[in-house]
């Protein structure tokens, strides 16, 4: 009798662990985790833990044509904000943890 109970418990545990490993779809598969040159998140800038260093944030802005970057600061929502120049115009930019750049 004990063997039947133990065997049943092991089978139940196996079934539960297999169920727990089932992939869960992302909330919105259309939204990339990281912005690429051809895509941006339409809800950017997205608040979140930012892993860009100040130097990386500055480099990302420069790679996208921004110059004269000043006042680059990480805000309390994890978004890098700065003043910069692009195409001869001074703008305020925001860079989120996904790499999205938004002009304010």
PDB file of N, CA and C in Angstrom:
ATOM      1  N   UNK A   1       0.821  -1.193   0.000  1.00  0.00           N
ATOM      2  CA  UNK A   1       0.000   0.000   0.000  1.00  0.00           C
ATOM      3  C   UNK A   1       0.872   1.266   0.000  1.00  0.00           C
ATOM      4  N   UNK A   2       1.973   1.223   0.803  1.00  0.00           N
ATOM      5  CA  UNK A   2       2.861   2.379   0.843  1.00  0.00           C
ATOM      6  C   UNK A   2       3.485   2.636  -0.524  1.00  0.00           C
ATOM      7  N   UNK A   3       3.814   1.575  -1.239  1.00  0.00           N
ATOM      8  CA  UNK A   3       4.416   1.734  -2.565  1.00  0.00           C
ATOM      9  C   UNK A   3       3.454   2.428  -3.523  1.00  0.00           C
ATOM     10  N   UNK A   4       2.191   2.107  -3.453  1.00  0.00           N
ATOM     11  CA  UNK A   4       1.194   2.724  -4.323  1.00  0.00           C
ATOM     12  C   UNK A   4       1.084   4.215  -4.010  1.00  0.00           C
ATOM     13  N   UNK A   5       1.088   4.536  -2.742  1.00  0.00           N
ATOM     14  CA  UNK A   5       0.979   5.944  -2.338  1.00  0.00           C
ATOM     15  C   UNK A   5       2.224   6.719  -2.792  1.00  0.00           C
ATOM     16  N   UNK A   6       3.397   6.136  -2.568  1.00  0.00           N
ATOM     17  CA  UNK A   6       4.647   6.798  -2.971  1.00  0.00           C
ATOM     18  C   UNK A   6       4.701   6.942  -4.489  1.00  0.00           C
ATOM     19  N   UNK A   7       4.322   5.908  -5.202  1.00  0.00           N
ATOM     20  CA  UNK A   7       4.332   5.970  -6.666  1.00  0.00           C
ATOM     21  C   UNK A   7       3.365   7.029  -7.169  1.00  0.00           C
ATOM     22  N   UNK A   8       2.204   7.114  -6.569  1.00  0.00           N
ATOM     23  CA  UNK A   8       1.212   8.127  -6.965  1.00  0.00           C
ATOM     24  C   UNK A   8       1.736   9.529  -6.675  1.00  0.00           C
ATOM     25  N   UNK A   9       2.381   9.701  -5.531  1.00  0.00           N
ATOM     26  CA  UNK A   9       2.933  11.017  -5.178  1.00  0.00           C
ATOM     27  C   UNK A   9       4.039  11.422  -6.155  1.00  0.00           C
ATOM     28  N   UNK A  10       4.898  10.482  -6.533  1.00  0.00           N
ATOM     29  CA  UNK A  10       5.958  10.789  -7.491  1.00  0.00           C
ATOM     30  C   UNK A  10       5.393  11.155  -8.861  1.00  0.00           C
ATOM     31  N   UNK A  11       4.384  10.442  -9.291  1.00  0.00           N
ATOM     32  CA  UNK A  11       3.772  10.746 -10.591  1.00  0.00           C
ATOM     33  C   UNK A  11       3.120  12.118 -10.575  1.00  0.00           C
ATOM     34  N   UNK A  12       2.464  12.456  -9.476  1.00  0.00           N
ATOM     35  CA  UNK A  12       1.824  13.766  -9.362  1.00  0.00           C
ATOM     36  C   UNK A  12       2.874  14.875  -9.370  1.00  0.00           C
ATOM     37  N   UNK A  13       3.985  14.671  -8.650  1.00  0.00           N
ATOM     38  CA  UNK A  13       5.060  15.673  -8.622  1.00  0.00           C
ATOM     39  C   UNK A  13       5.671  15.847 -10.002  1.00  0.00           C
ATOM     40  N   UNK A  14       5.846  14.762 -10.734  1.00  0.00           N
ATOM     41  CA  UNK A  14       6.392  14.844 -12.088  1.00  0.00           C
ATOM     42  C   UNK A  14       5.471  15.629 -13.007  1.00  0.00           C
ATOM     43  N   UNK A  15       4.204  15.384 -12.889  1.00  0.00           N
ATOM     44  CA  UNK A  15       3.232  16.086 -13.736  1.00  0.00           C
ATOM     45  C   UNK A  15       3.219  17.571 -13.415  1.00  0.00           C
ATOM     46  N   UNK A  16       3.293  17.925 -12.144  1.00  0.00           N
ATOM     47  CA  UNK A  16       3.289  19.339 -11.763  1.00  0.00           C
ATOM     48  C   UNK A  16       4.549  20.051 -12.237  1.00  0.00           C
ATOM     49  N   UNK A  17       5.709  19.399 -12.134  1.00  0.00           N
ATOM     50  CA  UNK A  17       6.935  20.060 -12.577  1.00  0.00           C
ATOM     51  C   UNK A  17       6.939  20.250 -14.091  1.00  0.00           C
ATOM     52  N   UNK A  18       6.378  19.329 -14.835  1.00  0.00           N
ATOM     53  CA  UNK A  18       6.283  19.483 -16.283  1.00  0.00           C
ATOM     54  C   UNK A  18       5.332  20.622 -16.628  1.00  0.00           C
ATOM     55  N   UNK A  19       4.248  20.750 -15.891  1.00  0.00           N
ATOM     56  CA  UNK A  19       3.288  21.830 -16.126  1.00  0.00           C
ATOM     57  C   UNK A  19       3.914  23.187 -15.814  1.00  0.00           C
ATOM     58  N   UNK A  20       4.724  23.256 -14.759  1.00  0.00           N
ATOM     59  CA  UNK A  20       5.353  24.513 -14.356  1.00  0.00           C
ATOM     60  C   UNK A  20       6.357  25.004 -15.390  1.00  0.00           C
ATOM     61  N   UNK A  21       6.886  24.128 -16.224  1.00  0.00           N
ATOM     62  CA  UNK A  21       7.885  24.526 -17.201  1.00  0.00           C
ATOM     63  C   UNK A  21       7.280  24.919 -18.541  1.00  0.00           C
ATOM     64  N   UNK A  22       5.979  24.918 -18.638  1.00  0.00           N
ATOM     65  CA  UNK A  22       5.329  25.310 -19.871  1.00  0.00           C
ATOM     66  C   UNK A  22       5.606  26.788 -20.127  1.00  0.00           C
ATOM     67  N   UNK A  23       5.991  27.126 -21.336  1.00  0.00           N
ATOM     68  CA  UNK A  23       6.318  28.513 -21.682  1.00  0.00           C
ATOM     69  C   UNK A  23       5.076  29.382 -21.595  1.00  0.00           C
ATOM     70  N   UNK A  24       5.251  30.560 -21.017  1.00  0.00           N
ATOM     71  CA  UNK A  24       4.170  31.521 -20.929  1.00  0.00           C
ATOM     72  C   UNK A  24       4.382  32.575 -21.999  1.00  0.00           C
ATOM     73  N   UNK A  25       3.382  32.871 -22.786  1.00  0.00           N
ATOM     74  CA  UNK A  25       3.569  33.886 -23.820  1.00  0.00           C
ATOM     75  C   UNK A  25       3.792  35.259 -23.200  1.00  0.00           C
ATOM     76  N   UNK A  26       4.577  36.091 -23.874  1.00  0.00           N
ATOM     77  CA  UNK A  26       4.804  37.441 -23.367  1.00  0.00           C
ATOM     78  C   UNK A  26       3.513  38.230 -23.497  1.00  0.00           C
ATOM     79  N   UNK A  27       3.351  39.260 -22.680  1.00  0.00           N
ATOM     80  CA  UNK A  27       2.116  40.041 -22.722  1.00  0.00           C
ATOM     81  C   UNK A  27       1.829  40.634 -24.099  1.00  0.00           C
ATOM     82  N   UNK A  28       2.855  41.065 -24.798  1.00  0.00           N
ATOM     83  CA  UNK A  28       2.655  41.626 -26.124  1.00  0.00           C
ATOM     84  C   UNK A  28       3.826  41.201 -27.004  1.00  0.00           C
ATOM     85  N   UNK A  29       3.660  40.143 -27.773  1.00  0.00           N
ATOM     86  CA  UNK A  29       4.777  39.655 -28.583  1.00  0.00           C
ATOM     87  C   UNK A  29       5.224  40.634 -29.664  1.00  0.00           C
ATOM     88  N   UNK A  30       4.435  41.658 -29.934  1.00  0.00           N
ATOM     89  CA  UNK A  30       4.794  42.663 -30.938  1.00  0.00           C
ATOM     90  C   UNK A  30       5.838  43.645 -30.409  1.00  0.00           C
ATOM     91  N   UNK A  31       5.970  43.762 -29.086  1.00  0.00           N
ATOM     92  CA  UNK A  31       6.875  44.730 -28.494  1.00  0.00           C
ATOM     93  C   UNK A  31       8.212  44.083 -28.196  1.00  0.00           C
ATOM     94  N   UNK A  32       9.295  44.581 -28.782  1.00  0.00           N
ATOM     95  CA  UNK A  32      10.610  43.987 -28.537  1.00  0.00           C
ATOM     96  C   UNK A  32      11.119  44.322 -27.138  1.00  0.00           C
ATOM     97  N   UNK A  33      11.958  43.465 -26.597  1.00  0.00           N
ATOM     98  CA  UNK A  33      12.562  43.730 -25.295  1.00  0.00           C
ATOM     99  C   UNK A  33      13.618  44.821 -25.410  1.00  0.00           C
ATOM    100  N   UNK A  34      14.263  44.879 -26.556  1.00  0.00           N
ATOM    101  CA  UNK A  34      15.291  45.879 -26.792  1.00  0.00           C
ATOM    102  C   UNK A  34      15.034  46.520 -28.143  1.00  0.00           C
ATOM    103  N   UNK A  35      15.137  47.828 -28.189  1.00  0.00           N
ATOM    104  CA  UNK A  35      14.916  48.537 -29.441  1.00  0.00           C
ATOM    105  C   UNK A  35      16.050  48.237 -30.413  1.00  0.00           C
ATOM    106  N   UNK A  36      15.713  48.067 -31.662  1.00  0.00           N
ATOM    107  CA  UNK A  36      16.696  47.880 -32.718  1.00  0.00           C
ATOM    108  C   UNK A  36      16.576  49.075 -33.654  1.00  0.00           C
ATOM    109  N   UNK A  37      17.508  49.241 -34.582  1.00  0.00           N
ATOM    110  CA  UNK A  37      17.414  50.402 -35.464  1.00  0.00           C
ATOM    111  C   UNK A  37      16.090  50.504 -36.224  1.00  0.00           C
ATOM    112  N   UNK A  38      15.439  49.387 -36.479  1.00  0.00           N
ATOM    113  CA  UNK A  38      14.196  49.407 -37.245  1.00  0.00           C
ATOM    114  C   UNK A  38      12.940  49.394 -36.389  1.00  0.00           C
ATOM    115  N   UNK A  39      13.072  49.228 -35.071  1.00  0.00           N
ATOM    116  CA  UNK A  39      11.897  49.139 -34.212  1.00  0.00           C
ATOM    117  C   UNK A  39      12.063  49.995 -32.977  1.00  0.00           C
ATOM    118  N   UNK A  40      10.947  50.485 -32.477  1.00  0.00           N
ATOM    119  CA  UNK A  40      10.913  51.160 -31.185  1.00  0.00           C
ATOM    120  C   UNK A  40       9.627  50.759 -30.501  1.00  0.00           C
ATOM    121  N   UNK A  41       9.615  50.851 -29.225  1.00  0.00           N
ATOM    122  CA  UNK A  41       8.427  50.543 -28.460  1.00  0.00           C
ATOM    123  C   UNK A  41       7.501  51.749 -28.533  1.00  0.00           C
ATOM    124  N   UNK A  42       6.263  51.566 -28.977  1.00  0.00           N
ATOM    125  CA  UNK A  42       5.357  52.711 -29.123  1.00  0.00           C
ATOM    126  C   UNK A  42       5.018  53.393 -27.811  1.00  0.00           C
ATOM    127  N   UNK A  43       5.259  52.727 -26.684  1.00  0.00           N
ATOM    128  CA  UNK A  43       4.964  53.335 -25.389  1.00  0.00           C
ATOM    129  C   UNK A  43       6.199  53.947 -24.747  1.00  0.00           C
ATOM    130  N   UNK A  44       7.278  54.097 -25.502  1.00  0.00           N
ATOM    131  CA  UNK A  44       8.539  54.632 -24.981  1.00  0.00           C
ATOM    132  C   UNK A  44       8.384  56.096 -24.587  1.00  0.00           C
ATOM    133  N   UNK A  45       9.146  56.578 -23.624  1.00  0.00           N
ATOM    134  CA  UNK A  45      10.159  55.834 -22.898  1.00  0.00           C
ATOM    135  C   UNK A  45       9.522  54.951 -21.828  1.00  0.00           C
ATOM    136  N   UNK A  46      10.059  53.754 -21.686  1.00  0.00           N
ATOM    137  CA  UNK A  46       9.523  52.768 -20.767  1.00  0.00           C
ATOM    138  C   UNK A  46      10.313  52.816 -19.467  1.00  0.00           C
ATOM    139  N   UNK A  47       9.608  52.994 -18.358  1.00  0.00           N
ATOM    140  CA  UNK A  47      10.266  53.009 -17.054  1.00  0.00           C
ATOM    141  C   UNK A  47      10.742  51.603 -16.715  1.00  0.00           C
ATOM    142  N   UNK A  48      11.878  51.505 -16.057  1.00  0.00           N
ATOM    143  CA  UNK A  48      12.403  50.206 -15.644  1.00  0.00           C
ATOM    144  C   UNK A  48      13.842  50.315 -15.223  1.00  0.00           C
ATOM    145  N   UNK A  49      14.345  49.250 -14.646  1.00  0.00           N
ATOM    146  CA  UNK A  49      15.736  49.230 -14.191  1.00  0.00           C
ATOM    147  C   UNK A  49      16.657  49.363 -15.399  1.00  0.00           C
ATOM    148  N   UNK A  50      17.425  50.432 -15.440  1.00  0.00           N
ATOM    149  CA  UNK A  50      18.272  50.716 -16.588  1.00  0.00           C
ATOM    150  C   UNK A  50      19.668  50.185 -16.344  1.00  0.00           C
ATOM    151  N   UNK A  51      20.171  49.412 -17.285  1.00  0.00           N
ATOM    152  CA  UNK A  51      21.510  48.847 -17.140  1.00  0.00           C
ATOM    153  C   UNK A  51      22.553  49.609 -17.956  1.00  0.00           C
ATOM    154  N   UNK A  52      22.143  50.659 -18.670  1.00  0.00           N
ATOM    155  CA  UNK A  52      23.109  51.474 -19.402  1.00  0.00           C
ATOM    156  C   UNK A  52      23.926  52.289 -18.408  1.00  0.00           C
ATOM    157  N   UNK A  53      25.236  52.341 -18.622  1.00  0.00           N
ATOM    158  CA  UNK A  53      26.057  53.276 -17.863  1.00  0.00           C
ATOM    159  C   UNK A  53      25.905  54.641 -18.521  1.00  0.00           C
ATOM    160  N   UNK A  54      26.399  55.668 -17.878  1.00  0.00           N
ATOM    161  CA  UNK A  54      26.325  57.004 -18.469  1.00  0.00           C
ATOM    162  C   UNK A  54      27.051  57.041 -19.809  1.00  0.00           C
ATOM    163  N   UNK A  55      28.203  56.391 -19.883  1.00  0.00           N
ATOM    164  CA  UNK A  55      28.980  56.375 -21.125  1.00  0.00           C
ATOM    165  C   UNK A  55      28.221  55.642 -22.234  1.00  0.00           C
ATOM    166  N   UNK A  56      27.566  54.527 -21.887  1.00  0.00           N
ATOM    167  CA  UNK A  56      26.793  53.775 -22.881  1.00  0.00           C
ATOM    168  C   UNK A  56      25.579  54.577 -23.355  1.00  0.00           C
ATOM    169  N   UNK A  57      24.933  55.289 -22.440  1.00  0.00           N
ATOM    170  CA  UNK A  57      23.781  56.110 -22.812  1.00  0.00           C
ATOM    171  C   UNK A  57      24.225  57.224 -23.770  1.00  0.00           C
ATOM    172  N   UNK A  58      25.336  57.867 -23.439  1.00  0.00           N
ATOM    173  CA  UNK A  58      25.878  58.935 -24.303  1.00  0.00           C
ATOM    174  C   UNK A  58      26.232  58.369 -25.684  1.00  0.00           C
ATOM    175  N   UNK A  59      26.876  57.200 -25.711  1.00  0.00           N
ATOM    176  CA  UNK A  59      27.258  56.573 -26.981  1.00  0.00           C
ATOM    177  C   UNK A  59      26.025  56.229 -27.816  1.00  0.00           C
ATOM    178  N   UNK A  60      24.974  55.716 -27.178  1.00  0.00           N
ATOM    179  CA  UNK A  60      23.747  55.364 -27.909  1.00  0.00           C
ATOM    180  C   UNK A  60      23.134  56.614 -28.544  1.00  0.00           C
ATOM    181  N   UNK A  61      23.117  57.715 -27.812  1.00  0.00           N
ATOM    182  CA  UNK A  61      22.588  58.960 -28.360  1.00  0.00           C
ATOM    183  C   UNK A  61      23.458  59.445 -29.527  1.00  0.00           C
ATOM    184  N   UNK A  62      24.769  59.391 -29.355  1.00  0.00           N
ATOM    185  CA  UNK A  62      25.676  59.831 -30.426  1.00  0.00           C
ATOM    186  C   UNK A  62      25.531  58.965 -31.670  1.00  0.00           C
ATOM    187  N   UNK A  63      25.358  57.648 -31.486  1.00  0.00           N
ATOM    188  CA  UNK A  63      25.166  56.739 -32.624  1.00  0.00           C
ATOM    189  C   UNK A  63      23.907  57.079 -33.416  1.00  0.00           C
ATOM    190  N   UNK A  64      22.963  57.725 -32.760  1.00  0.00           N
ATOM    191  CA  UNK A  64      21.706  58.089 -33.407  1.00  0.00           C
ATOM    192  C   UNK A  64      21.692  59.542 -33.866  1.00  0.00           C
ATOM    193  N   UNK A  65      22.876  60.160 -33.943  1.00  0.00           N
ATOM    194  CA  UNK A  65      22.999  61.478 -34.543  1.00  0.00           C
ATOM    195  C   UNK A  65      22.888  62.655 -33.608  1.00  0.00           C
ATOM    196  N   UNK A  66      22.860  62.426 -32.307  1.00  0.00           N
ATOM    197  CA  UNK A  66      22.761  63.526 -31.349  1.00  0.00           C
ATOM    198  C   UNK A  66      24.162  64.003 -30.978  1.00  0.00           C
ATOM    199  N   UNK A  67      24.324  65.326 -30.903  1.00  0.00           N
ATOM    200  CA  UNK A  67      25.604  65.931 -30.535  1.00  0.00           C
ATOM    201  C   UNK A  67      25.354  66.922 -29.410  1.00  0.00           C
ATOM    202  N   UNK A  68      26.421  67.509 -28.892  1.00  0.00           N
ATOM    203  CA  UNK A  68      26.337  68.506 -27.819  1.00  0.00           C
ATOM    204  C   UNK A  68      25.425  68.023 -26.690  1.00  0.00           C
ATOM    205  N   UNK A  69      25.623  66.775 -26.279  1.00  0.00           N
ATOM    206  CA  UNK A  69      24.791  66.181 -25.227  1.00  0.00           C
ATOM    207  C   UNK A  69      25.216  66.768 -23.888  1.00  0.00           C
ATOM    208  N   UNK A  70      24.250  67.326 -23.170  1.00  0.00           N
ATOM    209  CA  UNK A  70      24.565  67.925 -21.870  1.00  0.00           C
ATOM    210  C   UNK A  70      23.483  67.578 -20.851  1.00  0.00           C
ATOM    211  N   UNK A  71      23.866  67.626 -19.590  1.00  0.00           N
ATOM    212  CA  UNK A  71      22.916  67.370 -18.506  1.00  0.00           C
ATOM    213  C   UNK A  71      22.387  65.943 -18.481  1.00  0.00           C
ATOM    214  N   UNK A  72      23.176  64.986 -18.937  1.00  0.00           N
ATOM    215  CA  UNK A  72      22.731  63.593 -18.995  1.00  0.00           C
ATOM    216  C   UNK A  72      22.589  63.049 -17.575  1.00  0.00           C
ATOM    217  N   UNK A  73      21.359  62.722 -17.196  1.00  0.00           N
ATOM    218  CA  UNK A  73      21.062  62.234 -15.844  1.00  0.00           C
ATOM    219  C   UNK A  73      20.077  61.080 -15.919  1.00  0.00           C
ATOM    220  N   UNK A  74      20.237  60.131 -15.010  1.00  0.00           N
ATOM    221  CA  UNK A  74      19.315  59.006 -14.875  1.00  0.00           C
ATOM    222  C   UNK A  74      18.251  59.404 -13.865  1.00  0.00           C
ATOM    223  N   UNK A  75      16.968  59.390 -14.288  1.00  0.00           N
ATOM    224  CA  UNK A  75      15.912  59.801 -13.360  1.00  0.00           C
ATOM    225  C   UNK A  75      15.453  58.636 -12.482  1.00  0.00           C
ATOM    226  N   UNK A  76      14.501  58.909 -11.601  1.00  0.00           N
ATOM    227  CA  UNK A  76      14.039  57.900 -10.644  1.00  0.00           C
ATOM    228  C   UNK A  76      13.219  56.780 -11.285  1.00  0.00           C
ATOM    229  N   UNK A  77      12.879  56.914 -12.570  1.00  0.00           N
ATOM    230  CA  UNK A  77      12.149  55.863 -13.284  1.00  0.00           C
ATOM    231  C   UNK A  77      13.072  55.028 -14.163  1.00  0.00           C
ATOM    232  N   UNK A  78      14.375  55.294 -14.090  1.00  0.00           N
ATOM    233  CA  UNK A  78      15.341  54.526 -14.877  1.00  0.00           C
ATOM    234  C   UNK A  78      15.487  55.010 -16.305  1.00  0.00           C
ATOM    235  N   UNK A  79      15.148  56.266 -16.549  1.00  0.00           N
ATOM    236  CA  UNK A  79      15.236  56.839 -17.894  1.00  0.00           C
ATOM    237  C   UNK A  79      16.335  57.898 -17.913  1.00  0.00           C
ATOM    238  N   UNK A  80      17.256  57.760 -18.878  1.00  0.00           N
ATOM    239  CA  UNK A  80      18.305  58.756 -19.062  1.00  0.00           C
ATOM    240  C   UNK A  80      17.695  59.950 -19.780  1.00  0.00           C
ATOM    241  N   UNK A  81      17.928  61.144 -19.282  1.00  0.00           N
ATOM    242  CA  UNK A  81      17.399  62.375 -19.892  1.00  0.00           C
ATOM    243  C   UNK A  81      18.553  63.346 -20.113  1.00  0.00           C
ATOM    244  N   UNK A  82      18.476  64.082 -21.232  1.00  0.00           N
ATOM    245  CA  UNK A  82      19.540  65.040 -21.560  1.00  0.00           C
ATOM    246  C   UNK A  82      19.023  66.072 -22.539  1.00  0.00           C
ATOM    247  N   UNK A  83      19.822  67.095 -22.707  1.00  0.00           N
ATOM    248  CA  UNK A  83      19.618  68.077 -23.763  1.00  0.00           C
ATOM    249  C   UNK A  83      20.645  67.747 -24.829  1.00  0.00           C
ATOM    250  N   UNK A  84      20.241  67.816 -26.092  1.00  0.00           N
ATOM    251  CA  UNK A  84      21.166  67.476 -27.174  1.00  0.00           C
ATOM    252  C   UNK A  84      20.773  68.243 -28.433  1.00  0.00           C
ATOM    253  N   UNK A  85      21.657  68.182 -29.413  1.00  0.00           N
ATOM    254  CA  UNK A  85      21.401  68.834 -30.700  1.00  0.00           C
ATOM    255  C   UNK A  85      21.356  67.775 -31.787  1.00  0.00           C
ATOM    256  N   UNK A  86      20.356  67.923 -32.673  1.00  0.00           N
ATOM    257  CA  UNK A  86      20.267  67.041 -33.838  1.00  0.00           C
ATOM    258  C   UNK A  86      19.682  67.856 -34.978  1.00  0.00           C
ATOM    259  N   UNK A  87      20.308  67.757 -36.133  1.00  0.00           N
ATOM    260  CA  UNK A  87      19.871  68.510 -37.312  1.00  0.00           C
ATOM    261  C   UNK A  87      19.762  70.000 -37.022  1.00  0.00           C
ATOM    262  N   UNK A  88      20.700  70.512 -36.208  1.00  0.00           N
ATOM    263  CA  UNK A  88      20.746  71.934 -35.913  1.00  0.00           C
ATOM    264  C   UNK A  88      19.725  72.414 -34.895  1.00  0.00           C
ATOM    265  N   UNK A  89      18.944  71.509 -34.314  1.00  0.00           N
ATOM    266  CA  UNK A  89      17.929  71.891 -33.334  1.00  0.00           C
ATOM    267  C   UNK A  89      18.294  71.324 -31.966  1.00  0.00           C
ATOM    268  N   UNK A  90      18.117  72.131 -30.933  1.00  0.00           N
ATOM    269  CA  UNK A  90      18.328  71.656 -29.565  1.00  0.00           C
ATOM    270  C   UNK A  90      17.036  71.027 -29.086  1.00  0.00           C
ATOM    271  N   UNK A  91      17.147  69.801 -28.591  1.00  0.00           N
ATOM    272  CA  UNK A  91      15.971  69.042 -28.140  1.00  0.00           C
ATOM    273  C   UNK A  91      16.274  68.412 -26.779  1.00  0.00           C
ATOM    274  N   UNK A  92      15.225  68.005 -26.103  1.00  0.00           N
ATOM    275  CA  UNK A  92      15.348  67.217 -24.886  1.00  0.00           C
ATOM    276  C   UNK A  92      15.073  65.777 -25.279  1.00  0.00           C
ATOM    277  N   UNK A  93      15.980  64.875 -24.899  1.00  0.00           N
ATOM    278  CA  UNK A  93      15.836  63.468 -25.269  1.00  0.00           C
ATOM    279  C   UNK A  93      15.731  62.594 -24.029  1.00  0.00           C
ATOM    280  N   UNK A  94      15.089  61.446 -24.222  1.00  0.00           N
ATOM    281  CA  UNK A  94      14.977  60.442 -23.166  1.00  0.00           C
ATOM    282  C   UNK A  94      15.397  59.106 -23.758  1.00  0.00           C
ATOM    283  N   UNK A  95      16.169  58.331 -23.000  1.00  0.00           N
ATOM    284  CA  UNK A  95      16.636  57.013 -23.410  1.00  0.00           C
ATOM    285  C   UNK A  95      16.229  56.021 -22.333  1.00  0.00           C
ATOM    286  N   UNK A  96      15.394  55.027 -22.709  1.00  0.00           N
ATOM    287  CA  UNK A  96      14.948  54.056 -21.713  1.00  0.00           C
ATOM    288  C   UNK A  96      15.812  52.804 -21.722  1.00  0.00           C
ATOM    289  N   UNK A  97      15.506  51.868 -20.833  1.00  0.00           N
ATOM    290  CA  UNK A  97      16.318  50.654 -20.696  1.00  0.00           C
ATOM    291  C   UNK A  97      16.252  49.756 -21.914  1.00  0.00           C
ATOM    292  N   UNK A  98      15.246  49.937 -22.766  1.00  0.00           N
ATOM    293  CA  UNK A  98      15.134  49.142 -23.993  1.00  0.00           C
ATOM    294  C   UNK A  98      15.986  49.728 -25.116  1.00  0.00           C
ATOM    295  N   UNK A  99      16.497  50.936 -24.904  1.00  0.00           N
ATOM    296  CA  UNK A  99      17.293  51.577 -25.938  1.00  0.00           C
ATOM    297  C   UNK A  99      16.485  52.532 -26.790  1.00  0.00           C
ATOM    298  N   UNK A 100      15.200  52.707 -26.468  1.00  0.00           N
ATOM    299  CA  UNK A 100      14.357  53.645 -27.204  1.00  0.00           C
ATOM    300  C   UNK A 100      14.790  55.072 -26.910  1.00  0.00           C
ATOM    301  N   UNK A 101      14.870  55.889 -27.958  1.00  0.00           N
ATOM    302  CA  UNK A 101      15.188  57.299 -27.799  1.00  0.00           C
ATOM    303  C   UNK A 101      13.947  58.091 -28.182  1.00  0.00           C
ATOM    304  N   UNK A 102      13.523  58.953 -27.277  1.00  0.00           N
ATOM    305  CA  UNK A 102      12.317  59.748 -27.503  1.00  0.00           C
ATOM    306  C   UNK A 102      12.673  61.217 -27.359  1.00  0.00           C
ATOM    307  N   UNK A 103      12.237  62.012 -28.316  1.00  0.00           N
ATOM    308  CA  UNK A 103      12.447  63.463 -28.252  1.00  0.00           C
ATOM    309  C   UNK A 103      11.229  64.077 -27.574  1.00  0.00           C
ATOM    310  N   UNK A 104      11.486  64.875 -26.559  1.00  0.00           N
ATOM    311  CA  UNK A 104      10.376  65.537 -25.822  1.00  0.00           C
ATOM    312  C   UNK A 104      10.200  66.950 -26.316  1.00  0.00           C
TER     313      UNK A 104
END
